[in-house]
Amino acid sequence: MAHVELSERNPYYISKHRYYELKHFCLQYPEWEEAMAILNGWKSRPEELQTVTMRGSRVSNPTEQVGIARAFFAKRIDLVKHCLDEVEPAVAPFVLKGATECVPYDILRIQGCPCCRESYYEQYRKFFWVLSIERG
């Protein structure tokens, strides 16, 4: 979505730069899910774990490193999901896809988004507004 400046009177107003910050935060969501899949895998190879555990960590215990990395990624995934709880349940999966994969409304509509463009973007803005509050 090409971000259109909202009026400051809009209930879900956030500044342009804050929106971009949150958008780039959300674009990391697929990477977090992939990292969690690697961390939760029973047969993860040590090389894979090194790519998702914290670099420069002073923790020498590999189990502890994995636990810290799992908590790091789980916290971010849970934050995004928590913010989606504030969005209409029928539209939430489409807002998630739009926010984390940059899928435009026209494609989401083809994929079954149940609402009109205005309603979708109202929910989309609400998601980012809630995320802005939650991230502080």
N, C-alpha and C. Protein backbone atom coordinates (compact mmCIF):
# COMPACT_ATOMS: atom_id res chain seq x y z
N MET A 1 0.85 -1.17 0.00
CA MET A 1 0.00 0.00 0.00
C MET A 1 0.89 1.23 0.00
N ALA A 2 0.67 2.09 -0.93
CA ALA A 2 1.37 3.36 -0.92
C ALA A 2 0.77 4.17 0.22
N HIS A 3 1.58 4.49 1.17
CA HIS A 3 1.07 5.15 2.38
C HIS A 3 0.60 6.55 2.05
N VAL A 4 -0.65 6.82 2.34
CA VAL A 4 -1.22 8.14 2.16
C VAL A 4 -1.24 8.81 3.52
N GLU A 5 -0.77 10.03 3.58
CA GLU A 5 -0.75 10.75 4.84
C GLU A 5 -2.17 10.89 5.38
N LEU A 6 -2.36 10.48 6.59
CA LEU A 6 -3.65 10.62 7.25
C LEU A 6 -3.72 11.97 7.94
N SER A 7 -4.92 12.45 8.07
CA SER A 7 -5.14 13.66 8.83
C SER A 7 -4.88 13.34 10.30
N GLU A 8 -4.37 14.30 11.01
CA GLU A 8 -4.13 14.10 12.44
C GLU A 8 -5.45 13.94 13.20
N ARG A 9 -6.55 14.25 12.55
CA ARG A 9 -7.87 14.06 13.17
C ARG A 9 -8.35 12.62 13.05
N ASN A 10 -7.69 11.81 12.23
CA ASN A 10 -8.06 10.41 12.09
C ASN A 10 -7.76 9.70 13.41
N PRO A 11 -8.68 8.86 13.88
CA PRO A 11 -8.45 8.20 15.19
C PRO A 11 -7.23 7.27 15.18
N TYR A 12 -6.80 6.81 14.01
CA TYR A 12 -5.66 5.89 13.92
C TYR A 12 -4.42 6.57 13.34
N TYR A 13 -4.30 7.85 13.54
CA TYR A 13 -3.18 8.60 12.99
C TYR A 13 -1.87 8.21 13.67
N ILE A 14 -0.86 7.93 12.85
CA ILE A 14 0.53 7.85 13.32
C ILE A 14 1.36 8.56 12.25
N SER A 15 2.49 9.09 12.64
CA SER A 15 3.31 9.84 11.68
C SER A 15 3.85 8.91 10.60
N LYS A 16 4.21 9.50 9.50
CA LYS A 16 4.71 8.74 8.36
C LYS A 16 5.93 7.90 8.73
N HIS A 17 6.86 8.48 9.43
CA HIS A 17 8.09 7.77 9.77
C HIS A 17 7.85 6.68 10.81
N ARG A 18 6.91 6.91 11.72
CA ARG A 18 6.55 5.86 12.68
C ARG A 18 5.91 4.70 11.94
N TYR A 19 5.05 5.00 10.96
CA TYR A 19 4.43 3.95 10.14
C TYR A 19 5.51 3.12 9.44
N TYR A 20 6.49 3.78 8.84
CA TYR A 20 7.55 3.04 8.14
C TYR A 20 8.37 2.19 9.11
N GLU A 21 8.62 2.71 10.30
CA GLU A 21 9.33 1.93 11.31
C GLU A 21 8.56 0.65 11.65
N LEU A 22 7.26 0.80 11.88
CA LEU A 22 6.43 -0.35 12.23
C LEU A 22 6.27 -1.30 11.05
N LYS A 23 6.18 -0.76 9.85
CA LYS A 23 6.05 -1.58 8.65
C LYS A 23 7.30 -2.46 8.49
N HIS A 24 8.46 -1.88 8.66
CA HIS A 24 9.70 -2.67 8.54
C HIS A 24 9.84 -3.67 9.67
N PHE A 25 9.32 -3.34 10.84
CA PHE A 25 9.27 -4.29 11.94
C PHE A 25 8.43 -5.50 11.52
N CYS A 26 7.25 -5.24 10.95
CA CYS A 26 6.35 -6.33 10.55
C CYS A 26 6.91 -7.16 9.39
N LEU A 27 7.68 -6.54 8.52
CA LEU A 27 8.24 -7.28 7.39
C LEU A 27 9.23 -8.35 7.83
N GLN A 28 9.68 -8.30 9.08
CA GLN A 28 10.58 -9.32 9.62
C GLN A 28 9.82 -10.54 10.13
N TYR A 29 8.51 -10.46 10.20
CA TYR A 29 7.67 -11.53 10.75
C TYR A 29 7.95 -12.89 10.12
N PRO A 30 8.02 -13.02 8.78
CA PRO A 30 8.33 -14.34 8.20
C PRO A 30 9.69 -14.88 8.65
N GLU A 31 10.66 -13.98 8.83
CA GLU A 31 11.97 -14.41 9.31
C GLU A 31 11.89 -14.94 10.74
N TRP A 32 11.06 -14.30 11.57
CA TRP A 32 10.90 -14.75 12.95
C TRP A 32 10.25 -16.13 12.99
N GLU A 33 9.24 -16.33 12.14
CA GLU A 33 8.58 -17.63 12.11
C GLU A 33 9.54 -18.72 11.63
N GLU A 34 10.35 -18.40 10.64
CA GLU A 34 11.35 -19.36 10.14
C GLU A 34 12.37 -19.68 11.24
N ALA A 35 12.80 -18.66 11.95
CA ALA A 35 13.76 -18.87 13.04
C ALA A 35 13.16 -19.74 14.14
N MET A 36 11.90 -19.51 14.46
CA MET A 36 11.23 -20.33 15.49
C MET A 36 11.12 -21.78 15.03
N ALA A 37 10.85 -21.98 13.75
CA ALA A 37 10.77 -23.35 13.23
C ALA A 37 12.12 -24.05 13.35
N ILE A 38 13.18 -23.33 13.08
CA ILE A 38 14.52 -23.90 13.21
C ILE A 38 14.82 -24.20 14.69
N LEU A 39 14.50 -23.24 15.55
CA LEU A 39 14.78 -23.41 16.98
C LEU A 39 13.95 -24.52 17.61
N ASN A 40 12.75 -24.74 17.11
CA ASN A 40 11.88 -25.76 17.66
C ASN A 40 12.09 -27.13 17.03
N GLY A 41 12.91 -27.18 15.99
CA GLY A 41 13.13 -28.45 15.30
C GLY A 41 14.01 -29.39 16.10
N TRP A 42 13.60 -30.64 16.19
CA TRP A 42 14.39 -31.64 16.92
C TRP A 42 15.68 -31.97 16.20
N LYS A 43 15.64 -31.85 14.90
CA LYS A 43 16.80 -32.28 14.12
C LYS A 43 17.55 -31.09 13.53
N SER A 44 17.49 -29.95 14.19
CA SER A 44 18.20 -28.78 13.70
C SER A 44 19.71 -29.04 13.77
N ARG A 45 20.36 -28.69 12.69
CA ARG A 45 21.81 -28.83 12.66
C ARG A 45 22.45 -27.64 13.38
N PRO A 46 23.59 -27.83 13.97
CA PRO A 46 24.24 -26.73 14.69
C PRO A 46 24.47 -25.50 13.81
N GLU A 47 24.71 -25.70 12.51
CA GLU A 47 24.94 -24.56 11.62
C GLU A 47 23.68 -23.70 11.51
N GLU A 48 22.51 -24.36 11.48
CA GLU A 48 21.25 -23.61 11.40
C GLU A 48 21.01 -22.82 12.67
N LEU A 49 21.32 -23.41 13.80
CA LEU A 49 21.10 -22.73 15.07
C LEU A 49 21.98 -21.50 15.20
N GLN A 50 23.17 -21.55 14.64
CA GLN A 50 24.07 -20.41 14.73
C GLN A 50 23.52 -19.20 13.97
N THR A 51 22.71 -19.45 12.94
CA THR A 51 22.18 -18.32 12.18
C THR A 51 21.04 -17.61 12.90
N VAL A 52 20.38 -18.27 13.87
CA VAL A 52 19.25 -17.64 14.55
C VAL A 52 19.51 -17.33 16.02
N THR A 53 20.60 -17.83 16.60
CA THR A 53 20.92 -17.45 17.97
C THR A 53 21.61 -16.10 17.94
N MET A 54 21.66 -15.47 19.06
CA MET A 54 22.20 -14.12 19.15
C MET A 54 23.70 -14.09 18.86
N ARG A 55 24.06 -13.26 17.93
CA ARG A 55 25.48 -13.09 17.63
C ARG A 55 26.11 -12.23 18.72
N GLY A 56 27.33 -12.53 19.04
CA GLY A 56 28.02 -11.76 20.05
C GLY A 56 27.54 -12.06 21.46
N SER A 57 26.80 -13.13 21.60
CA SER A 57 26.28 -13.49 22.92
C SER A 57 27.42 -13.95 23.81
N ARG A 58 27.35 -13.56 25.06
CA ARG A 58 28.39 -13.97 26.00
C ARG A 58 28.00 -15.24 26.74
N VAL A 59 26.87 -15.80 26.37
CA VAL A 59 26.41 -17.03 27.01
C VAL A 59 27.11 -18.20 26.33
N SER A 60 27.80 -19.00 27.13
CA SER A 60 28.55 -20.11 26.55
C SER A 60 27.72 -21.39 26.49
N ASN A 61 26.60 -21.41 27.15
CA ASN A 61 25.75 -22.58 27.18
C ASN A 61 24.84 -22.58 25.94
N PRO A 62 25.00 -23.54 25.02
CA PRO A 62 24.19 -23.56 23.81
C PRO A 62 22.69 -23.68 24.07
N THR A 63 22.31 -24.43 25.09
CA THR A 63 20.90 -24.57 25.42
C THR A 63 20.32 -23.23 25.86
N GLU A 64 21.09 -22.50 26.63
CA GLU A 64 20.65 -21.19 27.08
C GLU A 64 20.54 -20.22 25.91
N GLN A 65 21.49 -20.29 24.98
CA GLN A 65 21.45 -19.44 23.79
C GLN A 65 20.16 -19.70 23.00
N VAL A 66 19.81 -20.96 22.82
CA VAL A 66 18.60 -21.32 22.08
C VAL A 66 17.37 -20.79 22.83
N GLY A 67 17.35 -20.92 24.14
CA GLY A 67 16.23 -20.43 24.94
C GLY A 67 16.07 -18.92 24.83
N ILE A 68 17.17 -18.21 24.87
CA ILE A 68 17.13 -16.75 24.74
C ILE A 68 16.63 -16.36 23.36
N ALA A 69 17.14 -17.03 22.33
CA ALA A 69 16.70 -16.74 20.96
C ALA A 69 15.22 -17.06 20.78
N ARG A 70 14.78 -18.19 21.33
CA ARG A 70 13.36 -18.56 21.23
C ARG A 70 12.48 -17.51 21.90
N ALA A 71 12.88 -17.02 23.07
CA ALA A 71 12.11 -15.98 23.76
C ALA A 71 12.08 -14.68 22.96
N PHE A 72 13.20 -14.34 22.35
CA PHE A 72 13.31 -13.12 21.54
C PHE A 72 12.31 -13.15 20.38
N PHE A 73 12.31 -14.25 19.62
CA PHE A 73 11.44 -14.33 18.45
C PHE A 73 9.98 -14.52 18.86
N ALA A 74 9.73 -15.29 19.90
CA ALA A 74 8.35 -15.53 20.36
C ALA A 74 7.71 -14.23 20.84
N LYS A 75 8.48 -13.38 21.50
CA LYS A 75 7.96 -12.11 21.99
C LYS A 75 7.48 -11.24 20.84
N ARG A 76 8.24 -11.20 19.77
CA ARG A 76 7.86 -10.38 18.61
C ARG A 76 6.65 -10.95 17.87
N ILE A 77 6.64 -12.27 17.69
CA ILE A 77 5.50 -12.92 17.03
C ILE A 77 4.24 -12.70 17.85
N ASP A 78 4.33 -12.87 19.16
CA ASP A 78 3.18 -12.69 20.03
C ASP A 78 2.68 -11.24 20.03
N LEU A 79 3.60 -10.29 19.91
CA LEU A 79 3.21 -8.88 19.86
C LEU A 79 2.35 -8.61 18.63
N VAL A 80 2.78 -9.10 17.48
CA VAL A 80 2.02 -8.90 16.25
C VAL A 80 0.66 -9.58 16.36
N LYS A 81 0.63 -10.79 16.87
CA LYS A 81 -0.64 -11.51 17.01
C LYS A 81 -1.56 -10.83 18.01
N HIS A 82 -1.01 -10.30 19.08
CA HIS A 82 -1.81 -9.57 20.08
C HIS A 82 -2.45 -8.35 19.45
N CYS A 83 -1.71 -7.63 18.62
CA CYS A 83 -2.26 -6.44 17.96
C CYS A 83 -3.34 -6.83 16.95
N LEU A 84 -3.22 -7.99 16.35
CA LEU A 84 -4.24 -8.47 15.41
C LEU A 84 -5.55 -8.78 16.13
N ASP A 85 -5.49 -9.07 17.42
CA ASP A 85 -6.71 -9.35 18.19
C ASP A 85 -7.64 -8.14 18.23
N GLU A 86 -7.09 -6.95 18.02
CA GLU A 86 -7.89 -5.73 18.04
C GLU A 86 -8.60 -5.47 16.71
N VAL A 87 -8.24 -6.22 15.69
CA VAL A 87 -8.81 -6.06 14.35
C VAL A 87 -9.98 -7.02 14.20
N GLU A 88 -10.92 -6.69 13.30
CA GLU A 88 -12.04 -7.59 13.02
C GLU A 88 -11.52 -8.99 12.73
N PRO A 89 -12.04 -10.01 13.37
CA PRO A 89 -11.53 -11.37 13.18
C PRO A 89 -11.56 -11.87 11.74
N ALA A 90 -12.57 -11.48 10.98
CA ALA A 90 -12.67 -11.94 9.60
C ALA A 90 -11.61 -11.31 8.71
N VAL A 91 -11.13 -10.14 9.08
CA VAL A 91 -10.17 -9.40 8.26
C VAL A 91 -8.74 -9.60 8.76
N ALA A 92 -8.58 -10.06 10.00
CA ALA A 92 -7.25 -10.17 10.62
C ALA A 92 -6.23 -10.95 9.79
N PRO A 93 -6.58 -12.13 9.21
CA PRO A 93 -5.57 -12.84 8.42
C PRO A 93 -5.10 -12.05 7.21
N PHE A 94 -5.99 -11.24 6.66
CA PHE A 94 -5.63 -10.45 5.49
C PHE A 94 -4.78 -9.24 5.88
N VAL A 95 -5.08 -8.66 7.03
CA VAL A 95 -4.26 -7.56 7.54
C VAL A 95 -2.85 -8.09 7.85
N LEU A 96 -2.78 -9.27 8.44
CA LEU A 96 -1.47 -9.87 8.72
C LEU A 96 -0.67 -10.07 7.44
N LYS A 97 -1.32 -10.60 6.43
CA LYS A 97 -0.63 -10.83 5.16
C LYS A 97 -0.21 -9.51 4.52
N GLY A 98 -1.08 -8.51 4.58
CA GLY A 98 -0.75 -7.21 4.01
C GLY A 98 0.39 -6.53 4.75
N ALA A 99 0.39 -6.65 6.07
CA ALA A 99 1.41 -5.98 6.88
C ALA A 99 2.75 -6.69 6.86
N THR A 100 2.73 -8.02 6.77
CA THR A 100 3.99 -8.77 6.89
C THR A 100 4.57 -9.22 5.55
N GLU A 101 3.76 -9.16 4.49
CA GLU A 101 4.24 -9.61 3.18
C GLU A 101 4.04 -8.56 2.09
N CYS A 102 3.56 -7.39 2.45
CA CYS A 102 3.31 -6.30 1.49
C CYS A 102 2.35 -6.71 0.37
N VAL A 103 1.37 -7.51 0.68
CA VAL A 103 0.39 -7.91 -0.32
C VAL A 103 -0.67 -6.81 -0.40
N PRO A 104 -0.89 -6.23 -1.59
CA PRO A 104 -1.86 -5.15 -1.71
C PRO A 104 -3.30 -5.64 -1.60
N TYR A 105 -4.21 -4.71 -1.34
CA TYR A 105 -5.61 -5.05 -1.15
C TYR A 105 -6.19 -5.80 -2.36
N ASP A 106 -5.86 -5.37 -3.56
CA ASP A 106 -6.43 -6.01 -4.76
C ASP A 106 -6.14 -7.51 -4.79
N ILE A 107 -4.95 -7.90 -4.41
CA ILE A 107 -4.59 -9.32 -4.36
C ILE A 107 -5.33 -10.00 -3.22
N LEU A 108 -5.40 -9.34 -2.08
CA LEU A 108 -6.11 -9.90 -0.93
C LEU A 108 -7.59 -10.09 -1.24
N ARG A 109 -8.16 -9.17 -1.99
CA ARG A 109 -9.57 -9.29 -2.37
C ARG A 109 -9.78 -10.53 -3.23
N ILE A 110 -8.87 -10.79 -4.15
CA ILE A 110 -8.94 -11.98 -4.99
C ILE A 110 -8.81 -13.24 -4.13
N GLN A 111 -8.00 -13.14 -3.08
CA GLN A 111 -7.78 -14.28 -2.18
C GLN A 111 -8.90 -14.46 -1.16
N GLY A 112 -9.91 -13.59 -1.20
CA GLY A 112 -11.07 -13.80 -0.35
C GLY A 112 -11.29 -12.80 0.76
N CYS A 113 -10.62 -11.67 0.74
CA CYS A 113 -10.84 -10.65 1.78
C CYS A 113 -12.32 -10.26 1.76
N PRO A 114 -12.99 -10.36 2.92
CA PRO A 114 -14.44 -10.21 2.95
C PRO A 114 -14.98 -8.78 3.01
N CYS A 115 -14.13 -7.77 2.86
CA CYS A 115 -14.64 -6.42 3.01
C CYS A 115 -14.15 -5.52 1.88
N CYS A 116 -14.70 -4.34 1.83
CA CYS A 116 -14.31 -3.38 0.79
C CYS A 116 -12.96 -2.75 1.14
N ARG A 117 -12.41 -2.04 0.19
CA ARG A 117 -11.10 -1.40 0.35
C ARG A 117 -11.06 -0.47 1.56
N GLU A 118 -12.08 0.36 1.71
CA GLU A 118 -12.09 1.32 2.82
C GLU A 118 -12.10 0.62 4.18
N SER A 119 -12.91 -0.43 4.29
CA SER A 119 -12.97 -1.18 5.55
C SER A 119 -11.65 -1.88 5.84
N TYR A 120 -11.05 -2.45 4.80
CA TYR A 120 -9.77 -3.14 4.98
C TYR A 120 -8.72 -2.16 5.48
N TYR A 121 -8.59 -1.02 4.82
CA TYR A 121 -7.56 -0.07 5.22
C TYR A 121 -7.85 0.57 6.57
N GLU A 122 -9.11 0.66 6.95
CA GLU A 122 -9.45 1.12 8.29
C GLU A 122 -8.88 0.13 9.33
N GLN A 123 -9.07 -1.16 9.09
CA GLN A 123 -8.55 -2.20 9.98
C GLN A 123 -7.01 -2.24 9.94
N TYR A 124 -6.46 -2.04 8.76
CA TYR A 124 -5.01 -2.01 8.57
C TYR A 124 -4.39 -0.87 9.39
N ARG A 125 -5.00 0.31 9.30
CA ARG A 125 -4.51 1.45 10.08
C ARG A 125 -4.67 1.20 11.57
N LYS A 126 -5.78 0.60 11.95
CA LYS A 126 -6.03 0.29 13.36
C LYS A 126 -4.94 -0.65 13.89
N PHE A 127 -4.58 -1.67 13.08
CA PHE A 127 -3.52 -2.60 13.48
C PHE A 127 -2.22 -1.84 13.76
N PHE A 128 -1.82 -0.97 12.84
CA PHE A 128 -0.56 -0.24 13.04
C PHE A 128 -0.65 0.75 14.19
N TRP A 129 -1.83 1.33 14.42
CA TRP A 129 -2.01 2.22 15.54
C TRP A 129 -1.84 1.47 16.86
N VAL A 130 -2.46 0.29 16.96
CA VAL A 130 -2.33 -0.53 18.16
C VAL A 130 -0.87 -0.98 18.34
N LEU A 131 -0.24 -1.38 17.24
CA LEU A 131 1.16 -1.80 17.30
C LEU A 131 2.05 -0.64 17.77
N SER A 132 1.75 0.55 17.32
CA SER A 132 2.52 1.71 17.75
C SER A 132 2.40 1.93 19.25
N ILE A 133 1.21 1.77 19.77
CA ILE A 133 0.99 1.92 21.23
C ILE A 133 1.72 0.80 21.98
N GLU A 134 1.58 -0.42 21.51
CA GLU A 134 2.19 -1.56 22.20
C GLU A 134 3.71 -1.52 22.19
N ARG A 135 4.28 -1.05 21.10
CA ARG A 135 5.74 -0.97 21.02
C ARG A 135 6.30 0.21 21.80
N GLY A 136 5.45 1.15 22.10
CA GLY A 136 5.87 2.29 22.92
C GLY A 136 6.61 3.34 22.22
